Amino acid sequence: MKVAYIFRNSMASTFQLGSMILPQLEAGNHGVGVVGMFFFDDNVFSLRADDEIGRRLSKIAEEQNILLMACDQCSLRRGLASGLFDECGTGNIKPMGLAKGVEVGCFPQLYEALSGNMPDQIITL
């Protein structure tokens, strides 16, 4: 089974991801294949290049072919992307200061990026 995670709720990326999912992915015992992760609100901070979770997640995502994407509007609001708010959802927003391989976008970009490796389930945390 393949899953994609959406980190929506406060502290989901530091608690569920940082203390449960990421250690399991690193140990190889998560139990399912993870094809993508999408981050909203302050959860985007965990994707910074200088964040321990961001560095670890970037490494495991590269090894296991996991899409990492931050909400473009959330990233703009937090100084982690460049572009204009009216460009959100167009694919024109560019990441800044995020870990290697992290993309920014909105649902159209998420759907396109996952289209070649669709999850069986999407889990929102």
PDB file of N, CA and C in Angstrom:
ATOM      1  N   MET A   1       0.840  -1.182   0.000  1.00  0.00           N
ATOM      2  CA  MET A   1       0.000   0.000   0.000  1.00  0.00           C
ATOM      3  C   MET A   1       0.885   1.245   0.000  1.00  0.00           C
ATOM      4  N   LYS A   2       0.428   2.266  -0.712  1.00  0.00           N
ATOM      5  CA  LYS A   2       1.137   3.540  -0.766  1.00  0.00           C
ATOM      6  C   LYS A   2       0.261   4.622  -0.144  1.00  0.00           C
ATOM      7  N   VAL A   3       0.890   5.475   0.674  1.00  0.00           N
ATOM      8  CA  VAL A   3       0.157   6.554   1.327  1.00  0.00           C
ATOM      9  C   VAL A   3       0.835   7.891   1.045  1.00  0.00           C
ATOM     10  N   ALA A   4       0.043   8.945   1.179  1.00  0.00           N
ATOM     11  CA  ALA A   4       0.556  10.311   1.190  1.00  0.00           C
ATOM     12  C   ALA A   4       0.045  10.952   2.470  1.00  0.00           C
ATOM     13  N   TYR A   5       0.872  11.765   3.086  1.00  0.00           N
ATOM     14  CA  TYR A   5       0.499  12.457   4.317  1.00  0.00           C
ATOM     15  C   TYR A   5       0.289  13.930   4.038  1.00  0.00           C
ATOM     16  N   ILE A   6      -0.729  14.492   4.673  1.00  0.00           N
ATOM     17  CA  ILE A   6      -0.940  15.930   4.686  1.00  0.00           C
ATOM     18  C   ILE A   6      -0.804  16.374   6.133  1.00  0.00           C
ATOM     19  N   PHE A   7       0.152  17.253   6.384  1.00  0.00           N
ATOM     20  CA  PHE A   7       0.382  17.764   7.734  1.00  0.00           C
ATOM     21  C   PHE A   7      -0.339  19.089   7.869  1.00  0.00           C
ATOM     22  N   ARG A   8      -1.506  19.047   8.471  1.00  0.00           N
ATOM     23  CA  ARG A   8      -2.424  20.177   8.537  1.00  0.00           C
ATOM     24  C   ARG A   8      -2.543  20.761   9.936  1.00  0.00           C
ATOM     25  N   ASN A   9      -2.570  19.908  10.928  1.00  0.00           N
ATOM     26  CA  ASN A   9      -2.833  20.355  12.293  1.00  0.00           C
ATOM     27  C   ASN A   9      -1.574  20.846  12.992  1.00  0.00           C
ATOM     28  N   SER A  10      -1.773  21.710  13.951  1.00  0.00           N
ATOM     29  CA  SER A  10      -0.671  22.290  14.705  1.00  0.00           C
ATOM     30  C   SER A  10       0.242  21.201  15.264  1.00  0.00           C
ATOM     31  N   MET A  11       1.520  21.347  15.025  1.00  0.00           N
ATOM     32  CA  MET A  11       2.571  20.467  15.540  1.00  0.00           C
ATOM     33  C   MET A  11       2.581  19.068  14.935  1.00  0.00           C
ATOM     34  N   ALA A  12       1.800  18.823  13.898  1.00  0.00           N
ATOM     35  CA  ALA A  12       1.778  17.489  13.288  1.00  0.00           C
ATOM     36  C   ALA A  12       3.154  17.103  12.757  1.00  0.00           C
ATOM     37  N   SER A  13       3.891  18.075  12.224  1.00  0.00           N
ATOM     38  CA  SER A  13       5.195  17.738  11.652  1.00  0.00           C
ATOM     39  C   SER A  13       6.250  17.520  12.724  1.00  0.00           C
ATOM     40  N   THR A  14       6.105  18.137  13.868  1.00  0.00           N
ATOM     41  CA  THR A  14       7.090  17.913  14.921  1.00  0.00           C
ATOM     42  C   THR A  14       6.724  16.718  15.791  1.00  0.00           C
ATOM     43  N   PHE A  15       5.442  16.474  15.981  1.00  0.00           N
ATOM     44  CA  PHE A  15       5.050  15.347  16.827  1.00  0.00           C
ATOM     45  C   PHE A  15       4.886  14.064  16.016  1.00  0.00           C
ATOM     46  N   GLN A  16       3.836  13.956  15.212  1.00  0.00           N
ATOM     47  CA  GLN A  16       3.591  12.716  14.477  1.00  0.00           C
ATOM     48  C   GLN A  16       4.713  12.402  13.492  1.00  0.00           C
ATOM     49  N   LEU A  17       5.160  13.398  12.735  1.00  0.00           N
ATOM     50  CA  LEU A  17       6.227  13.149  11.772  1.00  0.00           C
ATOM     51  C   LEU A  17       7.572  12.963  12.467  1.00  0.00           C
ATOM     52  N   GLY A  18       7.955  13.934  13.276  1.00  0.00           N
ATOM     53  CA  GLY A  18       9.282  13.923  13.880  1.00  0.00           C
ATOM     54  C   GLY A  18       9.538  12.816  14.871  1.00  0.00           C
ATOM     55  N   SER A  19       8.507  12.417  15.613  1.00  0.00           N
ATOM     56  CA  SER A  19       8.742  11.400  16.644  1.00  0.00           C
ATOM     57  C   SER A  19       8.190  10.023  16.300  1.00  0.00           C
ATOM     58  N   MET A  20       7.405   9.905  15.237  1.00  0.00           N
ATOM     59  CA  MET A  20       6.847   8.602  14.874  1.00  0.00           C
ATOM     60  C   MET A  20       7.204   8.200  13.444  1.00  0.00           C
ATOM     61  N   ILE A  21       6.673   8.937  12.467  1.00  0.00           N
ATOM     62  CA  ILE A  21       6.790   8.535  11.066  1.00  0.00           C
ATOM     63  C   ILE A  21       8.236   8.558  10.583  1.00  0.00           C
ATOM     64  N   LEU A  22       8.934   9.660  10.799  1.00  0.00           N
ATOM     65  CA  LEU A  22      10.305   9.784  10.300  1.00  0.00           C
ATOM     66  C   LEU A  22      11.237   8.729  10.909  1.00  0.00           C
ATOM     67  N   PRO A  23      11.220   8.501  12.214  1.00  0.00           N
ATOM     68  CA  PRO A  23      12.073   7.434  12.755  1.00  0.00           C
ATOM     69  C   PRO A  23      11.742   6.059  12.166  1.00  0.00           C
ATOM     70  N   GLN A  24      10.470   5.794  11.903  1.00  0.00           N
ATOM     71  CA  GLN A  24      10.086   4.512  11.300  1.00  0.00           C
ATOM     72  C   GLN A  24      10.599   4.419   9.862  1.00  0.00           C
ATOM     73  N   LEU A  25      10.500   5.517   9.097  1.00  0.00           N
ATOM     74  CA  LEU A  25      11.024   5.512   7.732  1.00  0.00           C
ATOM     75  C   LEU A  25      12.535   5.290   7.739  1.00  0.00           C
ATOM     76  N   GLU A  26      13.217   5.928   8.665  1.00  0.00           N
ATOM     77  CA  GLU A  26      14.671   5.772   8.761  1.00  0.00           C
ATOM     78  C   GLU A  26      15.061   4.345   9.148  1.00  0.00           C
ATOM     79  N   ALA A  27      14.245   3.708   9.996  1.00  0.00           N
ATOM     80  CA  ALA A  27      14.531   2.342  10.437  1.00  0.00           C
ATOM     81  C   ALA A  27      14.033   1.291   9.451  1.00  0.00           C
ATOM     82  N   GLY A  28      13.227   1.722   8.469  1.00  0.00           N
ATOM     83  CA  GLY A  28      12.705   0.790   7.480  1.00  0.00           C
ATOM     84  C   GLY A  28      11.552  -0.054   7.968  1.00  0.00           C
ATOM     85  N   ASN A  29      10.847   0.417   9.004  1.00  0.00           N
ATOM     86  CA  ASN A  29       9.734  -0.374   9.541  1.00  0.00           C
ATOM     87  C   ASN A  29       8.422   0.415   9.618  1.00  0.00           C
ATOM     88  N   HIS A  30       8.207   1.341   8.682  1.00  0.00           N
ATOM     89  CA  HIS A  30       6.963   2.127   8.692  1.00  0.00           C
ATOM     90  C   HIS A  30       5.759   1.284   8.282  1.00  0.00           C
ATOM     91  N   GLY A  31       5.971   0.271   7.488  1.00  0.00           N
ATOM     92  CA  GLY A  31       4.887  -0.659   7.167  1.00  0.00           C
ATOM     93  C   GLY A  31       4.177  -0.417   5.845  1.00  0.00           C
ATOM     94  N   VAL A  32       4.283   0.775   5.306  1.00  0.00           N
ATOM     95  CA  VAL A  32       3.700   1.091   3.992  1.00  0.00           C
ATOM     96  C   VAL A  32       4.682   1.989   3.247  1.00  0.00           C
ATOM     97  N   GLY A  33       4.508   2.082   1.951  1.00  0.00           N
ATOM     98  CA  GLY A  33       5.308   3.010   1.170  1.00  0.00           C
ATOM     99  C   GLY A  33       4.723   4.402   1.251  1.00  0.00           C
ATOM    100  N   VAL A  34       5.571   5.381   1.436  1.00  0.00           N
ATOM    101  CA  VAL A  34       5.127   6.773   1.477  1.00  0.00           C
ATOM    102  C   VAL A  34       5.549   7.423   0.161  1.00  0.00           C
ATOM    103  N   VAL A  35       4.575   7.977  -0.570  1.00  0.00           N
ATOM    104  CA  VAL A  35       4.877   8.580  -1.871  1.00  0.00           C
ATOM    105  C   VAL A  35       4.908  10.103  -1.829  1.00  0.00           C
ATOM    106  N   GLY A  36       4.327  10.697  -0.792  1.00  0.00           N
ATOM    107  CA  GLY A  36       4.325  12.147  -0.720  1.00  0.00           C
ATOM    108  C   GLY A  36       3.923  12.674   0.637  1.00  0.00           C
ATOM    109  N   MET A  37       4.366  13.917   0.895  1.00  0.00           N
ATOM    110  CA  MET A  37       3.998  14.637   2.110  1.00  0.00           C
ATOM    111  C   MET A  37       3.755  16.087   1.722  1.00  0.00           C
ATOM    112  N   PHE A  38       2.651  16.633   2.215  1.00  0.00           N
ATOM    113  CA  PHE A  38       2.268  18.016   1.917  1.00  0.00           C
ATOM    114  C   PHE A  38       2.075  18.734   3.245  1.00  0.00           C
ATOM    115  N   PHE A  39       2.639  19.940   3.372  1.00  0.00           N
ATOM    116  CA  PHE A  39       2.705  20.647   4.649  1.00  0.00           C
ATOM    117  C   PHE A  39       1.970  21.978   4.577  1.00  0.00           C
ATOM    118  N   PHE A  40       1.119  22.238   5.581  1.00  0.00           N
ATOM    119  CA  PHE A  40       0.379  23.489   5.697  1.00  0.00           C
ATOM    120  C   PHE A  40       0.816  24.255   6.942  1.00  0.00           C
ATOM    121  N   ASP A  41       0.478  25.534   6.950  1.00  0.00           N
ATOM    122  CA  ASP A  41       0.630  26.424   8.097  1.00  0.00           C
ATOM    123  C   ASP A  41       2.044  26.348   8.673  1.00  0.00           C
ATOM    124  N   ASP A  42       2.184  26.365   9.999  1.00  0.00           N
ATOM    125  CA  ASP A  42       3.514  26.371  10.608  1.00  0.00           C
ATOM    126  C   ASP A  42       4.257  25.059  10.429  1.00  0.00           C
ATOM    127  N   ASN A  43       3.597  24.025   9.954  1.00  0.00           N
ATOM    128  CA  ASN A  43       4.290  22.768   9.672  1.00  0.00           C
ATOM    129  C   ASN A  43       5.377  22.955   8.610  1.00  0.00           C
ATOM    130  N   VAL A  44       5.267  24.001   7.782  1.00  0.00           N
ATOM    131  CA  VAL A  44       6.295  24.242   6.764  1.00  0.00           C
ATOM    132  C   VAL A  44       7.648  24.548   7.391  1.00  0.00           C
ATOM    133  N   PHE A  45       7.681  25.041   8.624  1.00  0.00           N
ATOM    134  CA  PHE A  45       8.953  25.354   9.273  1.00  0.00           C
ATOM    135  C   PHE A  45       9.833  24.111   9.447  1.00  0.00           C
ATOM    136  N   SER A  46       9.221  22.952   9.565  1.00  0.00           N
ATOM    137  CA  SER A  46      10.013  21.724   9.738  1.00  0.00           C
ATOM    138  C   SER A  46      10.763  21.351   8.461  1.00  0.00           C
ATOM    139  N   LEU A  47      10.453  22.003   7.352  1.00  0.00           N
ATOM    140  CA  LEU A  47      11.107  21.717   6.079  1.00  0.00           C
ATOM    141  C   LEU A  47      12.295  22.632   5.794  1.00  0.00           C
ATOM    142  N   ARG A  48      12.636  23.511   6.732  1.00  0.00           N
ATOM    143  CA  ARG A  48      13.761  24.422   6.526  1.00  0.00           C
ATOM    144  C   ARG A  48      15.071  23.640   6.422  1.00  0.00           C
ATOM    145  N   ALA A  49      15.980  24.171   5.642  1.00  0.00           N
ATOM    146  CA  ALA A  49      17.282  23.526   5.443  1.00  0.00           C
ATOM    147  C   ALA A  49      18.064  23.419   6.744  1.00  0.00           C
ATOM    148  N   ASP A  50      17.849  24.352   7.674  1.00  0.00           N
ATOM    149  CA  ASP A  50      18.590  24.324   8.935  1.00  0.00           C
ATOM    150  C   ASP A  50      17.817  23.640  10.069  1.00  0.00           C
ATOM    151  N   ASP A  51      16.736  22.976   9.755  1.00  0.00           N
ATOM    152  CA  ASP A  51      15.934  22.262  10.755  1.00  0.00           C
ATOM    153  C   ASP A  51      16.329  20.782  10.753  1.00  0.00           C
ATOM    154  N   GLU A  52      16.488  20.198  11.924  1.00  0.00           N
ATOM    155  CA  GLU A  52      16.887  18.786  12.003  1.00  0.00           C
ATOM    156  C   GLU A  52      15.893  17.882  11.277  1.00  0.00           C
ATOM    157  N   ILE A  53      14.603  18.106  11.486  1.00  0.00           N
ATOM    158  CA  ILE A  53      13.599  17.285  10.800  1.00  0.00           C
ATOM    159  C   ILE A  53      13.704  17.485   9.294  1.00  0.00           C
ATOM    160  N   GLY A  54      13.877  18.727   8.855  1.00  0.00           N
ATOM    161  CA  GLY A  54      14.001  19.014   7.430  1.00  0.00           C
ATOM    162  C   GLY A  54      15.184  18.297   6.794  1.00  0.00           C
ATOM    163  N   ARG A  55      16.325  18.318   7.466  1.00  0.00           N
ATOM    164  CA  ARG A  55      17.520  17.643   6.937  1.00  0.00           C
ATOM    165  C   ARG A  55      17.315  16.136   6.863  1.00  0.00           C
ATOM    166  N   ARG A  56      16.797  15.562   7.936  1.00  0.00           N
ATOM    167  CA  ARG A  56      16.570  14.109   7.971  1.00  0.00           C
ATOM    168  C   ARG A  56      15.522  13.696   6.944  1.00  0.00           C
ATOM    169  N   LEU A  57      14.456  14.472   6.859  1.00  0.00           N
ATOM    170  CA  LEU A  57      13.375  14.155   5.936  1.00  0.00           C
ATOM    171  C   LEU A  57      13.841  14.274   4.486  1.00  0.00           C
ATOM    172  N   SER A  58      14.626  15.286   4.192  1.00  0.00           N
ATOM    173  CA  SER A  58      15.161  15.460   2.844  1.00  0.00           C
ATOM    174  C   SER A  58      15.998  14.246   2.432  1.00  0.00           C
ATOM    175  N   LYS A  59      16.811  13.768   3.328  1.00  0.00           N
ATOM    176  CA  LYS A  59      17.663  12.609   3.045  1.00  0.00           C
ATOM    177  C   LYS A  59      16.822  11.364   2.767  1.00  0.00           C
ATOM    178  N   ILE A  60      15.853  11.093   3.627  1.00  0.00           N
ATOM    179  CA  ILE A  60      15.033   9.884   3.475  1.00  0.00           C
ATOM    180  C   ILE A  60      14.128  10.012   2.246  1.00  0.00           C
ATOM    181  N   ALA A  61      13.667  11.228   1.944  1.00  0.00           N
ATOM    182  CA  ALA A  61      12.816  11.434   0.770  1.00  0.00           C
ATOM    183  C   ALA A  61      13.597  11.145  -0.510  1.00  0.00           C
ATOM    184  N   GLU A  62      14.851  11.567  -0.539  1.00  0.00           N
ATOM    185  CA  GLU A  62      15.675  11.287  -1.715  1.00  0.00           C
ATOM    186  C   GLU A  62      15.917   9.783  -1.858  1.00  0.00           C
ATOM    187  N   GLU A  63      16.197   9.110  -0.760  1.00  0.00           N
ATOM    188  CA  GLU A  63      16.466   7.667  -0.789  1.00  0.00           C
ATOM    189  C   GLU A  63      15.230   6.860  -1.185  1.00  0.00           C
ATOM    190  N   GLN A  64      14.040   7.310  -0.740  1.00  0.00           N
ATOM    191  CA  GLN A  64      12.825   6.521  -0.923  1.00  0.00           C
ATOM    192  C   GLN A  64      11.859   7.126  -1.946  1.00  0.00           C
ATOM    193  N   ASN A  65      12.308   8.136  -2.684  1.00  0.00           N
ATOM    194  CA  ASN A  65      11.487   8.767  -3.722  1.00  0.00           C
ATOM    195  C   ASN A  65      10.149   9.279  -3.167  1.00  0.00           C
ATOM    196  N   ILE A  66      10.245  10.096  -2.120  1.00  0.00           N
ATOM    197  CA  ILE A  66       9.063  10.683  -1.480  1.00  0.00           C
ATOM    198  C   ILE A  66       8.974  12.150  -1.879  1.00  0.00           C
ATOM    199  N   LEU A  67       7.840  12.566  -2.406  1.00  0.00           N
ATOM    200  CA  LEU A  67       7.598  13.962  -2.731  1.00  0.00           C
ATOM    201  C   LEU A  67       7.431  14.760  -1.434  1.00  0.00           C
ATOM    202  N   LEU A  68       8.154  15.855  -1.320  1.00  0.00           N
ATOM    203  CA  LEU A  68       7.986  16.789  -0.207  1.00  0.00           C
ATOM    204  C   LEU A  68       7.528  18.117  -0.784  1.00  0.00           C
ATOM    205  N   MET A  69       6.345  18.576  -0.359  1.00  0.00           N
ATOM    206  CA  MET A  69       5.818  19.830  -0.880  1.00  0.00           C
ATOM    207  C   MET A  69       5.197  20.642   0.246  1.00  0.00           C
ATOM    208  N   ALA A  70       5.537  21.924   0.263  1.00  0.00           N
ATOM    209  CA  ALA A  70       4.954  22.861   1.215  1.00  0.00           C
ATOM    210  C   ALA A  70       3.927  23.720   0.491  1.00  0.00           C
ATOM    211  N   CYS A  71       2.879  24.061   1.186  1.00  0.00           N
ATOM    212  CA  CYS A  71       1.870  24.968   0.639  1.00  0.00           C
ATOM    213  C   CYS A  71       2.557  26.264   0.218  1.00  0.00           C
ATOM    214  N   ASP A  72       2.329  26.689  -1.022  1.00  0.00           N
ATOM    215  CA  ASP A  72       2.999  27.893  -1.510  1.00  0.00           C
ATOM    216  C   ASP A  72       2.593  29.140  -0.741  1.00  0.00           C
ATOM    217  N   GLN A  73       1.312  29.294  -0.451  1.00  0.00           N
ATOM    218  CA  GLN A  73       0.856  30.470   0.281  1.00  0.00           C
ATOM    219  C   GLN A  73       1.379  30.467   1.723  1.00  0.00           C
ATOM    220  N   CYS A  74       1.372  29.305   2.361  1.00  0.00           N
ATOM    221  CA  CYS A  74       1.888  29.192   3.728  1.00  0.00           C
ATOM    222  C   CYS A  74       3.373  29.529   3.753  1.00  0.00           C
ATOM    223  N   SER A  75       4.106  29.078   2.750  1.00  0.00           N
ATOM    224  CA  SER A  75       5.543  29.343   2.656  1.00  0.00           C
ATOM    225  C   SER A  75       5.820  30.816   2.409  1.00  0.00           C
ATOM    226  N   LEU A  76       5.040  31.434   1.538  1.00  0.00           N
ATOM    227  CA  LEU A  76       5.193  32.877   1.294  1.00  0.00           C
ATOM    228  C   LEU A  76       4.973  33.667   2.576  1.00  0.00           C
ATOM    229  N   ARG A  77       3.938  33.328   3.308  1.00  0.00           N
ATOM    230  CA  ARG A  77       3.600  34.053   4.543  1.00  0.00           C
ATOM    231  C   ARG A  77       4.685  33.917   5.602  1.00  0.00           C
ATOM    232  N   ARG A  78       5.500  32.876   5.516  1.00  0.00           N
ATOM    233  CA  ARG A  78       6.527  32.616   6.527  1.00  0.00           C
ATOM    234  C   ARG A  78       7.939  32.896   6.028  1.00  0.00           C
ATOM    235  N   GLY A  79       8.044  33.546   4.872  1.00  0.00           N
ATOM    236  CA  GLY A  79       9.344  33.913   4.342  1.00  0.00           C
ATOM    237  C   GLY A  79      10.155  32.749   3.809  1.00  0.00           C
ATOM    238  N   LEU A  80       9.492  31.665   3.439  1.00  0.00           N
ATOM    239  CA  LEU A  80      10.170  30.469   2.948  1.00  0.00           C
ATOM    240  C   LEU A  80       9.947  30.247   1.456  1.00  0.00           C
ATOM    241  N   ALA A  81       9.465  31.271   0.783  1.00  0.00           N
ATOM    242  CA  ALA A  81       9.246  31.196  -0.664  1.00  0.00           C
ATOM    243  C   ALA A  81       9.261  32.612  -1.218  1.00  0.00           C
ATOM    244  N   SER A  82       9.479  32.709  -2.519  1.00  0.00           N
ATOM    245  CA  SER A  82       9.432  34.010  -3.181  1.00  0.00           C
ATOM    246  C   SER A  82       8.377  33.970  -4.283  1.00  0.00           C
ATOM    247  N   GLY A  83       7.749  35.099  -4.468  1.00  0.00           N
ATOM    248  CA  GLY A  83       6.692  35.219  -5.465  1.00  0.00           C
ATOM    249  C   GLY A  83       5.607  36.138  -4.950  1.00  0.00           C
ATOM    250  N   LEU A  84       4.510  36.181  -5.668  1.00  0.00           N
ATOM    251  CA  LEU A  84       3.384  37.027  -5.309  1.00  0.00           C
ATOM    252  C   LEU A  84       2.197  36.164  -4.913  1.00  0.00           C
ATOM    253  N   PHE A  85       1.413  36.644  -3.973  1.00  0.00           N
ATOM    254  CA  PHE A  85       0.274  35.864  -3.501  1.00  0.00           C
ATOM    255  C   PHE A  85      -0.703  35.525  -4.616  1.00  0.00           C
ATOM    256  N   ASP A  86      -0.858  36.410  -5.581  1.00  0.00           N
ATOM    257  CA  ASP A  86      -1.803  36.102  -6.661  1.00  0.00           C
ATOM    258  C   ASP A  86      -1.258  35.036  -7.611  1.00  0.00           C
ATOM    259  N   GLU A  87      -0.014  34.605  -7.399  1.00  0.00           N
ATOM    260  CA  GLU A  87       0.564  33.517  -8.187  1.00  0.00           C
ATOM    261  C   GLU A  87       0.409  32.153  -7.508  1.00  0.00           C
ATOM    262  N   CYS A  88      -0.125  32.151  -6.295  1.00  0.00           N
ATOM    263  CA  CYS A  88      -0.308  30.874  -5.593  1.00  0.00           C
ATOM    264  C   CYS A  88      -1.196  29.956  -6.430  1.00  0.00           C
ATOM    265  N   GLY A  89      -0.788  28.704  -6.501  1.00  0.00           N
ATOM    266  CA  GLY A  89      -1.536  27.720  -7.264  1.00  0.00           C
ATOM    267  C   GLY A  89      -1.142  27.636  -8.727  1.00  0.00           C
ATOM    268  N   THR A  90      -0.243  28.537  -9.171  1.00  0.00           N
ATOM    269  CA  THR A  90       0.160  28.545 -10.572  1.00  0.00           C
ATOM    270  C   THR A  90       1.438  27.756 -10.832  1.00  0.00           C
ATOM    271  N   GLY A  91       2.180  27.451  -9.772  1.00  0.00           N
ATOM    272  CA  GLY A  91       3.472  26.792  -9.933  1.00  0.00           C
ATOM    273  C   GLY A  91       4.621  27.767 -10.083  1.00  0.00           C
ATOM    274  N   ASN A  92       4.345  29.068  -9.957  1.00  0.00           N
ATOM    275  CA  ASN A  92       5.383  30.083 -10.122  1.00  0.00           C
ATOM    276  C   ASN A  92       6.080  30.482  -8.825  1.00  0.00           C
ATOM    277  N   ILE A  93       5.585  30.026  -7.682  1.00  0.00           N
ATOM    278  CA  ILE A  93       6.205  30.345  -6.396  1.00  0.00           C
ATOM    279  C   ILE A  93       7.454  29.471  -6.242  1.00  0.00           C
ATOM    280  N   LYS A  94       8.541  30.061  -5.762  1.00  0.00           N
ATOM    281  CA  LYS A  94       9.819  29.352  -5.632  1.00  0.00           C
ATOM    282  C   LYS A  94      10.211  29.208  -4.166  1.00  0.00           C
ATOM    283  N   PRO A  95      10.684  28.034  -3.769  1.00  0.00           N
ATOM    284  CA  PRO A  95      11.116  27.830  -2.384  1.00  0.00           C
ATOM    285  C   PRO A  95      12.365  28.635  -2.051  1.00  0.00           C
ATOM    286  N   MET A  96      12.476  29.026  -0.783  1.00  0.00           N
ATOM    287  CA  MET A  96      13.660  29.729  -0.276  1.00  0.00           C
ATOM    288  C   MET A  96      14.006  29.160   1.095  1.00  0.00           C
ATOM    289  N   GLY A  97      15.232  28.726   1.274  1.00  0.00           N
ATOM    290  CA  GLY A  97      15.676  28.272   2.582  1.00  0.00           C
ATOM    291  C   GLY A  97      15.112  26.936   3.017  1.00  0.00           C
ATOM    292  N   LEU A  98      14.508  26.212   2.091  1.00  0.00           N
ATOM    293  CA  LEU A  98      13.955  24.903   2.428  1.00  0.00           C
ATOM    294  C   LEU A  98      14.984  23.814   2.138  1.00  0.00           C
ATOM    295  N   ALA A  99      14.814  22.671   2.766  1.00  0.00           N
ATOM    296  CA  ALA A  99      15.731  21.549   2.602  1.00  0.00           C
ATOM    297  C   ALA A  99      15.778  21.100   1.147  1.00  0.00           C
ATOM    298  N   LYS A 100      16.854  20.438   0.808  1.00  0.00           N
ATOM    299  CA  LYS A 100      17.065  19.949  -0.558  1.00  0.00           C
ATOM    300  C   LYS A 100      15.878  19.100  -1.014  1.00  0.00           C
ATOM    301  N   GLY A 101      15.392  19.401  -2.218  1.00  0.00           N
ATOM    302  CA  GLY A 101      14.328  18.616  -2.820  1.00  0.00           C
ATOM    303  C   GLY A 101      12.918  19.016  -2.445  1.00  0.00           C
ATOM    304  N   VAL A 102      12.752  19.962  -1.518  1.00  0.00           N
ATOM    305  CA  VAL A 102      11.409  20.385  -1.114  1.00  0.00           C
ATOM    306  C   VAL A 102      10.852  21.346  -2.148  1.00  0.00           C
ATOM    307  N   GLU A 103       9.650  21.064  -2.593  1.00  0.00           N
ATOM    308  CA  GLU A 103       8.949  21.911  -3.556  1.00  0.00           C
ATOM    309  C   GLU A 103       7.884  22.721  -2.829  1.00  0.00           C
ATOM    310  N   VAL A 104       7.416  23.781  -3.456  1.00  0.00           N
ATOM    311  CA  VAL A 104       6.257  24.514  -2.955  1.00  0.00           C
ATOM    312  C   VAL A 104       5.201  24.519  -4.046  1.00  0.00           C
ATOM    313  N   GLY A 105       3.956  24.506  -3.628  1.00  0.00           N
ATOM    314  CA  GLY A 105       2.871  24.508  -4.594  1.00  0.00           C
ATOM    315  C   GLY A 105       1.529  24.456  -3.895  1.00  0.00           C
ATOM    316  N   CYS A 106       0.506  24.275  -4.696  1.00  0.00           N
ATOM    317  CA  CYS A 106      -0.852  24.150  -4.193  1.00  0.00           C
ATOM    318  C   CYS A 106      -1.412  22.837  -4.737  1.00  0.00           C
ATOM    319  N   PHE A 107      -2.670  22.602  -4.556  1.00  0.00           N
ATOM    320  CA  PHE A 107      -3.235  21.317  -4.959  1.00  0.00           C
ATOM    321  C   PHE A 107      -2.991  20.962  -6.428  1.00  0.00           C
ATOM    322  N   PRO A 108      -3.082  21.908  -7.371  1.00  0.00           N
ATOM    323  CA  PRO A 108      -2.790  21.510  -8.761  1.00  0.00           C
ATOM    324  C   PRO A 108      -1.377  20.940  -8.924  1.00  0.00           C
ATOM    325  N   GLN A 109      -0.395  21.549  -8.251  1.00  0.00           N
ATOM    326  CA  GLN A 109       0.974  21.049  -8.342  1.00  0.00           C
ATOM    327  C   GLN A 109       1.129  19.724  -7.602  1.00  0.00           C
ATOM    328  N   LEU A 110       0.437  19.576  -6.483  1.00  0.00           N
ATOM    329  CA  LEU A 110       0.485  18.318  -5.732  1.00  0.00           C
ATOM    330  C   LEU A 110      -0.078  17.177  -6.567  1.00  0.00           C
ATOM    331  N   TYR A 111      -1.239  17.385  -7.168  1.00  0.00           N
ATOM    332  CA  TYR A 111      -1.850  16.336  -7.981  1.00  0.00           C
ATOM    333  C   TYR A 111      -0.951  15.950  -9.153  1.00  0.00           C
ATOM    334  N   GLU A 112      -0.382  16.951  -9.808  1.00  0.00           N
ATOM    335  CA  GLU A 112       0.501  16.677 -10.941  1.00  0.00           C
ATOM    336  C   GLU A 112       1.741  15.904 -10.494  1.00  0.00           C
ATOM    337  N   ALA A 113       2.331  16.315  -9.380  1.00  0.00           N
ATOM    338  CA  ALA A 113       3.550  15.661  -8.904  1.00  0.00           C
ATOM    339  C   ALA A 113       3.299  14.214  -8.477  1.00  0.00           C
ATOM    340  N   LEU A 114       2.118  13.935  -7.955  1.00  0.00           N
ATOM    341  CA  LEU A 114       1.801  12.571  -7.509  1.00  0.00           C
ATOM    342  C   LEU A 114       1.211  11.707  -8.626  1.00  0.00           C
ATOM    343  N   SER A 115       0.886  12.292  -9.757  1.00  0.00           N
ATOM    344  CA  SER A 115       0.166  11.556 -10.801  1.00  0.00           C
ATOM    345  C   SER A 115       0.909  10.323 -11.310  1.00  0.00           C
ATOM    346  N   GLY A 116       2.204  10.336 -11.258  1.00  0.00           N
ATOM    347  CA  GLY A 116       2.964   9.174 -11.702  1.00  0.00           C
ATOM    348  C   GLY A 116       3.187   8.137 -10.627  1.00  0.00           C
ATOM    349  N   ASN A 117       2.797   8.441  -9.407  1.00  0.00           N
ATOM    350  CA  ASN A 117       2.998   7.526  -8.275  1.00  0.00           C
ATOM    351  C   ASN A 117       1.876   7.762  -7.267  1.00  0.00           C
ATOM    352  N   MET A 118       0.662   7.457  -7.694  1.00  0.00           N
ATOM    353  CA  MET A 118      -0.531   7.772  -6.892  1.00  0.00           C
ATOM    354  C   MET A 118      -0.604   6.969  -5.598  1.00  0.00           C
ATOM    355  N   PRO A 119      -0.974   7.633  -4.497  1.00  0.00           N
ATOM    356  CA  PRO A 119      -1.163   6.912  -3.245  1.00  0.00           C
ATOM    357  C   PRO A 119      -2.492   6.147  -3.262  1.00  0.00           C
ATOM    358  N   ASP A 120      -2.539   5.094  -2.469  1.00  0.00           N
ATOM    359  CA  ASP A 120      -3.794   4.359  -2.277  1.00  0.00           C
ATOM    360  C   ASP A 120      -4.659   5.067  -1.233  1.00  0.00           C
ATOM    361  N   GLN A 121      -3.992   5.721  -0.289  1.00  0.00           N
ATOM    362  CA  GLN A 121      -4.693   6.457   0.770  1.00  0.00           C
ATOM    363  C   GLN A 121      -3.974   7.761   1.046  1.00  0.00           C
ATOM    364  N   ILE A 122      -4.761   8.759   1.455  1.00  0.00           N
ATOM    365  CA  ILE A 122      -4.204  10.038   1.888  1.00  0.00           C
ATOM    366  C   ILE A 122      -4.602  10.209   3.357  1.00  0.00           C
ATOM    367  N   ILE A 123      -3.619  10.479   4.182  1.00  0.00           N
ATOM    368  CA  ILE A 123      -3.821  10.602   5.617  1.00  0.00           C
ATOM    369  C   ILE A 123      -3.526  12.038   6.030  1.00  0.00           C
ATOM    370  N   THR A 124      -4.499  12.681   6.666  1.00  0.00           N
ATOM    371  CA  THR A 124      -4.325  14.048   7.148  1.00  0.00           C
ATOM    372  C   THR A 124      -4.073  14.015   8.644  1.00  0.00           C
ATOM    373  N   LEU A 125      -2.978  14.624   9.034  1.00  0.00           N
ATOM    374  CA  LEU A 125      -2.600  14.703  10.452  1.00  0.00           C
ATOM    375  C   LEU A 125      -2.595  16.155  10.890  1.00  0.00           C
TER     376      LEU A 125
END
